[in-house]
N, C-alpha and C. Protein backbone atom coordinates (compact mmCIF):
# COMPACT_ATOMS: atom_id res chain seq x y z
N MET A 1 -6.12 73.21 -16.99
CA MET A 1 -5.37 71.97 -17.12
C MET A 1 -5.86 71.23 -18.37
N LEU A 2 -4.95 70.78 -19.18
CA LEU A 2 -5.30 70.02 -20.37
C LEU A 2 -5.32 68.54 -20.03
N TYR A 3 -6.27 67.85 -20.58
CA TYR A 3 -6.35 66.41 -20.38
C TYR A 3 -7.03 65.81 -21.59
N ASN A 4 -6.88 64.53 -21.75
CA ASN A 4 -7.47 63.84 -22.90
C ASN A 4 -8.97 63.64 -22.67
N LEU A 5 -9.74 63.91 -23.70
CA LEU A 5 -11.17 63.67 -23.62
C LEU A 5 -11.43 62.19 -23.92
N SER A 6 -12.42 61.65 -23.26
CA SER A 6 -12.77 60.26 -23.50
C SER A 6 -13.44 60.15 -24.87
N GLU A 7 -13.55 58.94 -25.35
CA GLU A 7 -14.21 58.69 -26.63
C GLU A 7 -15.67 59.14 -26.56
N GLN A 8 -16.30 58.92 -25.45
CA GLN A 8 -17.70 59.30 -25.30
C GLN A 8 -17.86 60.83 -25.41
N VAL A 9 -17.00 61.58 -24.77
CA VAL A 9 -17.08 63.05 -24.82
C VAL A 9 -16.74 63.53 -26.23
N ARG A 10 -15.73 62.92 -26.84
CA ARG A 10 -15.38 63.31 -28.23
C ARG A 10 -16.55 63.04 -29.17
N ARG A 11 -17.24 61.93 -28.96
CA ARG A 11 -18.39 61.61 -29.81
C ARG A 11 -19.49 62.67 -29.65
N CYS A 12 -19.73 63.09 -28.43
CA CYS A 12 -20.74 64.14 -28.19
C CYS A 12 -20.35 65.43 -28.92
N HIS A 13 -19.06 65.77 -28.87
CA HIS A 13 -18.60 66.98 -29.56
C HIS A 13 -18.74 66.83 -31.08
N ARG A 14 -18.44 65.64 -31.58
CA ARG A 14 -18.61 65.43 -33.03
C ARG A 14 -20.08 65.57 -33.42
N GLN A 15 -20.97 65.01 -32.62
CA GLN A 15 -22.39 65.13 -32.91
C GLN A 15 -22.84 66.59 -32.85
N ALA A 16 -22.34 67.33 -31.86
CA ALA A 16 -22.69 68.75 -31.76
C ALA A 16 -22.20 69.51 -32.99
N HIS A 17 -20.99 69.22 -33.42
CA HIS A 17 -20.42 69.87 -34.60
C HIS A 17 -21.27 69.56 -35.84
N GLU A 18 -21.70 68.31 -35.96
CA GLU A 18 -22.53 67.91 -37.09
C GLU A 18 -23.88 68.65 -37.06
N CYS A 19 -24.46 68.80 -35.88
CA CYS A 19 -25.73 69.53 -35.77
C CYS A 19 -25.53 71.01 -36.14
N ALA A 20 -24.42 71.59 -35.73
CA ALA A 20 -24.14 72.99 -36.08
C ALA A 20 -23.99 73.14 -37.60
N ARG A 21 -23.30 72.19 -38.22
CA ARG A 21 -23.13 72.22 -39.67
C ARG A 21 -24.49 72.10 -40.37
N LYS A 22 -25.34 71.21 -39.88
CA LYS A 22 -26.66 71.03 -40.48
C LYS A 22 -27.54 72.27 -40.26
N ALA A 23 -27.35 72.95 -39.12
CA ALA A 23 -28.13 74.17 -38.87
C ALA A 23 -27.77 75.25 -39.90
N GLN A 24 -26.51 75.30 -40.31
CA GLN A 24 -26.08 76.30 -41.29
C GLN A 24 -26.70 76.04 -42.66
N THR A 25 -26.95 74.79 -42.97
CA THR A 25 -27.48 74.46 -44.29
C THR A 25 -28.97 74.10 -44.26
N ALA A 26 -29.61 74.34 -43.11
CA ALA A 26 -31.03 73.99 -42.98
C ALA A 26 -31.86 74.82 -43.97
N ARG A 27 -32.92 74.21 -44.47
CA ARG A 27 -33.77 74.86 -45.47
C ARG A 27 -34.79 75.80 -44.83
N THR A 28 -35.17 75.50 -43.58
CA THR A 28 -36.17 76.35 -42.94
C THR A 28 -35.64 76.83 -41.59
N GLU A 29 -36.22 77.90 -41.11
CA GLU A 29 -35.85 78.45 -39.80
C GLU A 29 -36.17 77.44 -38.69
N HIS A 30 -37.28 76.75 -38.82
CA HIS A 30 -37.67 75.75 -37.82
C HIS A 30 -36.61 74.63 -37.73
N MET A 31 -36.13 74.14 -38.88
CA MET A 31 -35.09 73.11 -38.89
C MET A 31 -33.79 73.66 -38.31
N ARG A 32 -33.45 74.92 -38.64
CA ARG A 32 -32.23 75.54 -38.11
C ARG A 32 -32.28 75.59 -36.58
N ARG A 33 -33.41 76.02 -36.01
CA ARG A 33 -33.56 76.08 -34.54
C ARG A 33 -33.47 74.69 -33.92
N ASP A 34 -34.08 73.70 -34.58
CA ASP A 34 -34.02 72.33 -34.06
C ASP A 34 -32.58 71.81 -34.03
N PHE A 35 -31.83 72.06 -35.11
CA PHE A 35 -30.43 71.61 -35.14
C PHE A 35 -29.58 72.36 -34.11
N LEU A 36 -29.84 73.65 -33.91
CA LEU A 36 -29.10 74.41 -32.90
C LEU A 36 -29.44 73.91 -31.48
N ALA A 37 -30.72 73.55 -31.29
CA ALA A 37 -31.12 72.98 -29.99
C ALA A 37 -30.42 71.64 -29.77
N LEU A 38 -30.35 70.83 -30.82
CA LEU A 38 -29.64 69.55 -30.72
C LEU A 38 -28.15 69.77 -30.43
N GLU A 39 -27.57 70.77 -31.06
CA GLU A 39 -26.16 71.08 -30.81
C GLU A 39 -25.96 71.41 -29.33
N ARG A 40 -26.82 72.26 -28.77
CA ARG A 40 -26.72 72.63 -27.35
C ARG A 40 -26.88 71.39 -26.46
N ASN A 41 -27.82 70.52 -26.83
CA ASN A 41 -28.02 69.30 -26.04
C ASN A 41 -26.80 68.39 -26.08
N TRP A 42 -26.21 68.24 -27.28
CA TRP A 42 -25.00 67.40 -27.39
C TRP A 42 -23.86 68.01 -26.57
N LEU A 43 -23.71 69.33 -26.60
CA LEU A 43 -22.65 69.98 -25.82
C LEU A 43 -22.91 69.83 -24.31
N ALA A 44 -24.18 69.94 -23.91
CA ALA A 44 -24.51 69.74 -22.50
C ALA A 44 -24.22 68.30 -22.08
N LEU A 45 -24.54 67.36 -22.94
CA LEU A 45 -24.24 65.96 -22.65
C LEU A 45 -22.73 65.74 -22.56
N ALA A 46 -21.98 66.37 -23.44
CA ALA A 46 -20.51 66.25 -23.40
C ALA A 46 -19.98 66.77 -22.06
N ARG A 47 -20.48 67.93 -21.61
CA ARG A 47 -20.05 68.48 -20.32
C ARG A 47 -20.42 67.55 -19.18
N SER A 48 -21.63 67.00 -19.25
CA SER A 48 -22.09 66.10 -18.21
C SER A 48 -21.23 64.83 -18.15
N CYS A 49 -20.95 64.26 -19.31
CA CYS A 49 -20.11 63.05 -19.36
C CYS A 49 -18.71 63.36 -18.84
N ASP A 50 -18.17 64.49 -19.27
CA ASP A 50 -16.83 64.88 -18.84
C ASP A 50 -16.79 65.06 -17.33
N PHE A 51 -17.80 65.74 -16.80
CA PHE A 51 -17.85 65.95 -15.36
C PHE A 51 -17.95 64.62 -14.62
N SER A 52 -18.82 63.73 -15.08
CA SER A 52 -18.98 62.42 -14.45
C SER A 52 -17.68 61.63 -14.46
N GLU A 53 -16.97 61.68 -15.58
CA GLU A 53 -15.71 60.96 -15.67
C GLU A 53 -14.67 61.55 -14.72
N ARG A 54 -14.64 62.88 -14.61
CA ARG A 54 -13.67 63.50 -13.71
C ARG A 54 -14.01 63.19 -12.25
N VAL A 55 -15.29 63.16 -11.91
CA VAL A 55 -15.69 62.79 -10.55
C VAL A 55 -15.26 61.35 -10.27
N ALA A 56 -15.48 60.47 -11.23
CA ALA A 56 -15.08 59.07 -11.05
C ALA A 56 -13.56 58.96 -10.90
N ASP A 57 -12.82 59.72 -11.70
CA ASP A 57 -11.35 59.72 -11.57
C ASP A 57 -10.92 60.22 -10.20
N PHE A 58 -11.57 61.31 -9.76
CA PHE A 58 -11.24 61.88 -8.45
C PHE A 58 -11.53 60.86 -7.34
N ALA A 59 -12.70 60.23 -7.43
CA ALA A 59 -13.08 59.24 -6.41
C ALA A 59 -12.11 58.06 -6.42
N GLY A 60 -11.70 57.63 -7.61
CA GLY A 60 -10.74 56.53 -7.70
C GLY A 60 -9.40 56.90 -7.09
N GLU A 61 -8.95 58.12 -7.35
CA GLU A 61 -7.68 58.59 -6.78
C GLU A 61 -7.80 58.71 -5.26
N ALA A 62 -8.94 59.22 -4.79
CA ALA A 62 -9.14 59.34 -3.35
C ALA A 62 -9.12 57.96 -2.69
N GLU A 63 -9.76 56.99 -3.32
CA GLU A 63 -9.76 55.63 -2.77
C GLU A 63 -8.35 55.03 -2.79
N ARG A 64 -7.60 55.29 -3.87
CA ARG A 64 -6.23 54.80 -3.94
C ARG A 64 -5.39 55.38 -2.80
N ARG A 65 -5.56 56.68 -2.56
CA ARG A 65 -4.81 57.32 -1.47
C ARG A 65 -5.25 56.80 -0.11
N ARG A 66 -6.56 56.60 0.06
CA ARG A 66 -7.08 56.07 1.32
C ARG A 66 -6.47 54.69 1.59
N HIS A 67 -6.41 53.87 0.55
CA HIS A 67 -5.83 52.53 0.67
C HIS A 67 -4.35 52.63 1.06
N HIS A 68 -3.63 53.56 0.42
CA HIS A 68 -2.22 53.76 0.72
C HIS A 68 -2.03 54.15 2.18
N TRP A 69 -2.86 55.09 2.68
CA TRP A 69 -2.75 55.53 4.07
C TRP A 69 -3.14 54.42 5.03
N ARG A 70 -4.10 53.57 4.65
CA ARG A 70 -4.46 52.44 5.50
C ARG A 70 -3.28 51.48 5.63
N GLN A 71 -2.58 51.26 4.51
CA GLN A 71 -1.42 50.38 4.55
C GLN A 71 -0.34 50.96 5.44
N LEU A 72 -0.10 52.27 5.32
CA LEU A 72 0.91 52.91 6.18
C LEU A 72 0.51 52.82 7.64
N ASP A 73 -0.77 53.02 7.92
CA ASP A 73 -1.26 52.94 9.29
C ASP A 73 -1.09 51.53 9.84
N ALA A 74 -1.42 50.53 9.01
CA ALA A 74 -1.26 49.14 9.44
C ALA A 74 0.21 48.83 9.72
N ALA A 75 1.09 49.34 8.86
CA ALA A 75 2.53 49.11 9.07
C ALA A 75 2.98 49.78 10.36
N ALA A 76 2.48 50.97 10.63
CA ALA A 76 2.85 51.67 11.87
C ALA A 76 2.35 50.90 13.08
N ASN A 77 1.13 50.35 12.99
CA ASN A 77 0.60 49.56 14.11
C ASN A 77 1.43 48.31 14.34
N ALA A 78 1.81 47.65 13.24
CA ALA A 78 2.63 46.44 13.38
C ALA A 78 3.98 46.80 13.97
N THR A 79 4.55 47.91 13.53
CA THR A 79 5.84 48.34 14.06
C THR A 79 5.73 48.61 15.55
N ALA A 80 4.68 49.31 15.95
CA ALA A 80 4.49 49.63 17.36
C ALA A 80 4.33 48.36 18.19
N ALA A 81 3.72 47.34 17.61
CA ALA A 81 3.50 46.10 18.35
C ALA A 81 4.78 45.28 18.51
N VAL A 82 5.67 45.35 17.54
CA VAL A 82 6.88 44.52 17.58
C VAL A 82 8.04 45.22 18.29
N VAL A 83 8.13 46.52 18.18
CA VAL A 83 9.28 47.26 18.70
C VAL A 83 9.59 46.96 20.16
N PRO A 84 8.58 46.86 21.06
CA PRO A 84 8.93 46.57 22.45
C PRO A 84 9.71 45.27 22.64
N PHE A 85 9.51 44.31 21.78
CA PHE A 85 10.20 43.03 21.91
C PHE A 85 11.63 43.09 21.40
N LEU A 86 11.98 44.14 20.68
CA LEU A 86 13.32 44.26 20.12
C LEU A 86 14.29 44.95 21.07
N ALA A 87 13.79 45.44 22.17
CA ALA A 87 14.64 46.16 23.11
C ALA A 87 15.82 45.29 23.53
N GLY A 88 17.00 45.85 23.42
CA GLY A 88 18.21 45.15 23.81
C GLY A 88 18.70 44.14 22.80
N GLN A 89 18.07 44.02 21.66
CA GLN A 89 18.48 43.07 20.63
C GLN A 89 19.44 43.76 19.65
N ALA A 90 20.36 43.01 19.11
CA ALA A 90 21.33 43.55 18.15
C ALA A 90 21.03 42.99 16.77
N PHE A 91 20.01 43.51 16.13
CA PHE A 91 19.66 43.10 14.77
C PHE A 91 19.93 44.25 13.82
N THR A 92 20.37 43.90 12.63
CA THR A 92 20.59 44.93 11.60
C THR A 92 19.23 45.42 11.09
N PRO A 93 19.20 46.59 10.44
CA PRO A 93 17.93 47.07 9.87
C PRO A 93 17.32 46.09 8.89
N GLU A 94 18.14 45.39 8.11
CA GLU A 94 17.62 44.42 7.16
C GLU A 94 16.92 43.26 7.87
N ILE A 95 17.52 42.78 8.95
CA ILE A 95 16.92 41.69 9.70
C ILE A 95 15.63 42.16 10.37
N ILE A 96 15.63 43.37 10.88
CA ILE A 96 14.42 43.91 11.52
C ILE A 96 13.29 44.00 10.50
N ARG A 97 13.62 44.38 9.26
CA ARG A 97 12.59 44.41 8.20
C ARG A 97 12.02 43.01 7.98
N GLU A 98 12.87 42.01 8.00
CA GLU A 98 12.41 40.63 7.84
C GLU A 98 11.54 40.21 9.02
N LEU A 99 11.90 40.66 10.22
CA LEU A 99 11.10 40.34 11.40
C LEU A 99 9.71 40.97 11.30
N PHE A 100 9.66 42.21 10.84
CA PHE A 100 8.37 42.88 10.64
C PHE A 100 7.54 42.15 9.58
N LYS A 101 8.23 41.74 8.52
CA LYS A 101 7.52 41.00 7.46
C LYS A 101 6.93 39.71 8.03
N ALA A 102 7.72 39.00 8.81
CA ALA A 102 7.26 37.75 9.42
C ALA A 102 6.09 38.01 10.36
N PHE A 103 6.21 39.05 11.17
CA PHE A 103 5.15 39.39 12.12
C PHE A 103 3.85 39.73 11.39
N ASP A 104 3.94 40.57 10.37
CA ASP A 104 2.75 40.95 9.60
C ASP A 104 2.10 39.73 8.95
N LEU A 105 2.93 38.90 8.33
CA LEU A 105 2.42 37.72 7.64
C LEU A 105 1.78 36.73 8.62
N ALA A 106 2.44 36.52 9.74
CA ALA A 106 1.90 35.58 10.74
C ALA A 106 0.58 36.11 11.31
N CYS A 107 0.54 37.38 11.64
CA CYS A 107 -0.70 37.97 12.19
C CYS A 107 -1.83 37.90 11.17
N GLU A 108 -1.51 38.21 9.93
CA GLU A 108 -2.55 38.18 8.89
C GLU A 108 -3.07 36.75 8.69
N THR A 109 -2.15 35.79 8.59
CA THR A 109 -2.55 34.40 8.36
C THR A 109 -3.33 33.84 9.53
N LEU A 110 -2.90 34.18 10.73
CA LEU A 110 -3.57 33.66 11.93
C LEU A 110 -4.77 34.52 12.33
N GLU A 111 -5.02 35.56 11.55
CA GLU A 111 -6.14 36.48 11.78
C GLU A 111 -6.07 37.08 13.18
N VAL A 112 -4.89 37.59 13.49
CA VAL A 112 -4.64 38.24 14.78
C VAL A 112 -4.31 39.70 14.50
N SER A 113 -4.94 40.59 15.24
CA SER A 113 -4.61 42.01 15.10
C SER A 113 -3.21 42.23 15.65
N PRO A 114 -2.37 42.98 14.94
CA PRO A 114 -1.02 43.23 15.45
C PRO A 114 -1.02 43.93 16.81
N ARG A 115 -2.12 44.51 17.20
CA ARG A 115 -2.22 45.19 18.50
C ARG A 115 -3.15 44.45 19.45
N SER A 116 -3.32 43.14 19.23
CA SER A 116 -4.33 42.40 19.99
C SER A 116 -3.89 41.99 21.38
N GLY A 117 -2.71 42.31 21.77
CA GLY A 117 -2.29 41.98 23.12
C GLY A 117 -1.52 40.67 23.20
N GLU A 118 -2.03 39.75 23.99
CA GLU A 118 -1.30 38.52 24.32
C GLU A 118 -0.91 37.71 23.09
N MET A 119 -1.84 37.51 22.18
CA MET A 119 -1.55 36.67 21.00
C MET A 119 -0.47 37.33 20.14
N ALA A 120 -0.59 38.63 19.89
CA ALA A 120 0.42 39.32 19.09
C ALA A 120 1.77 39.29 19.80
N GLU A 121 1.74 39.41 21.11
CA GLU A 121 2.98 39.36 21.88
C GLU A 121 3.64 37.99 21.76
N ARG A 122 2.85 36.94 21.84
CA ARG A 122 3.40 35.58 21.69
C ARG A 122 4.02 35.39 20.30
N ILE A 123 3.33 35.90 19.28
CA ILE A 123 3.87 35.81 17.91
C ILE A 123 5.18 36.56 17.82
N GLY A 124 5.21 37.78 18.35
CA GLY A 124 6.44 38.59 18.31
C GLY A 124 7.60 37.94 19.03
N ARG A 125 7.31 37.42 20.21
CA ARG A 125 8.38 36.77 20.99
C ARG A 125 8.93 35.52 20.28
N LYS A 126 8.03 34.75 19.67
CA LYS A 126 8.46 33.54 18.95
C LYS A 126 9.34 33.91 17.76
N ILE A 127 8.95 34.95 17.03
CA ILE A 127 9.74 35.39 15.86
C ILE A 127 11.12 35.85 16.31
N ILE A 128 11.18 36.63 17.38
CA ILE A 128 12.48 37.12 17.86
C ILE A 128 13.34 35.96 18.38
N TYR A 129 12.71 35.02 19.06
CA TYR A 129 13.45 33.84 19.53
C TYR A 129 14.08 33.10 18.35
N LEU A 130 13.27 32.86 17.30
CA LEU A 130 13.78 32.16 16.12
C LEU A 130 14.90 32.95 15.44
N ALA A 131 14.76 34.28 15.41
CA ALA A 131 15.81 35.11 14.81
C ALA A 131 17.09 35.03 15.63
N GLN A 132 16.97 34.98 16.95
CA GLN A 132 18.15 34.84 17.80
C GLN A 132 18.83 33.49 17.59
N CYS A 133 18.03 32.50 17.16
CA CYS A 133 18.59 31.17 16.88
C CYS A 133 19.24 31.11 15.50
N GLY A 134 19.12 32.19 14.72
CA GLY A 134 19.81 32.25 13.44
C GLY A 134 18.90 32.28 12.22
N LEU A 135 17.62 32.10 12.39
CA LEU A 135 16.70 32.13 11.25
C LEU A 135 16.40 33.59 10.94
N ARG A 136 16.61 34.00 9.68
CA ARG A 136 16.49 35.43 9.37
C ARG A 136 15.52 35.74 8.23
N ASP A 137 15.00 34.76 7.53
CA ASP A 137 14.10 35.00 6.40
C ASP A 137 12.67 35.19 6.91
N GLY A 138 12.04 36.30 6.51
CA GLY A 138 10.70 36.63 6.98
C GLY A 138 9.67 35.58 6.68
N HIS A 139 9.70 35.02 5.48
CA HIS A 139 8.72 34.00 5.10
C HIS A 139 8.92 32.71 5.89
N GLN A 140 10.18 32.32 6.09
CA GLN A 140 10.45 31.12 6.87
C GLN A 140 10.04 31.31 8.33
N LEU A 141 10.37 32.48 8.87
CA LEU A 141 9.98 32.78 10.25
C LEU A 141 8.46 32.70 10.41
N ALA A 142 7.76 33.36 9.50
CA ALA A 142 6.30 33.36 9.57
C ALA A 142 5.76 31.95 9.44
N GLY A 143 6.31 31.17 8.50
CA GLY A 143 5.84 29.81 8.29
C GLY A 143 5.97 28.95 9.54
N ILE A 144 7.10 29.05 10.20
CA ILE A 144 7.32 28.27 11.42
C ILE A 144 6.36 28.71 12.52
N VAL A 145 6.21 30.01 12.68
CA VAL A 145 5.31 30.53 13.73
C VAL A 145 3.87 30.12 13.44
N ILE A 146 3.47 30.21 12.20
CA ILE A 146 2.10 29.85 11.82
C ILE A 146 1.86 28.37 12.11
N GLU A 147 2.79 27.52 11.69
CA GLU A 147 2.64 26.08 11.95
C GLU A 147 2.57 25.79 13.44
N ASP A 148 3.45 26.44 14.21
CA ASP A 148 3.48 26.23 15.63
C ASP A 148 2.16 26.65 16.29
N PHE A 149 1.65 27.81 15.90
CA PHE A 149 0.41 28.29 16.52
C PHE A 149 -0.80 27.48 16.09
N LYS A 150 -0.79 26.99 14.87
CA LYS A 150 -1.90 26.14 14.44
C LYS A 150 -1.85 24.79 15.18
N ALA A 151 -0.64 24.29 15.40
CA ALA A 151 -0.52 22.99 16.07
C ALA A 151 -0.74 23.09 17.58
N ASN A 152 -0.22 24.16 18.18
CA ASN A 152 -0.23 24.26 19.65
C ASN A 152 -1.14 25.35 20.19
N GLY A 153 -1.65 26.19 19.31
CA GLY A 153 -2.55 27.28 19.76
C GLY A 153 -1.90 28.39 20.41
């Protein structure tokens, strides 16, 4: 696989190339061996830097994917917590998305786990009640629920 070398790795390669050039024009055998040893060291450093950067890239990508899967898992948990309250309701998919958004936002703001039982159930029921009354915006729903729970517990 081809990929771009970092500036640090390119610099190591340039230094190695310079040492190889100096080894060719060295006046003594001792100087030639020293320059060839330096060339090998620069190339080893370049490999080490390249490897370290690739490990860091891999770790960063793994963390990005882990974060993505955590978000999907959290969304699935929130969905599982709200779905029982939607039974028998006639909401469009767009409205249901807004209800989920409101539920997630309210739970996050009130520091309630979406699967926490009674508190999450109360939040879900309040959001669905407000939606049945005609309120359909997720942020407005969440705002009203948050205010209500902060005021009344």
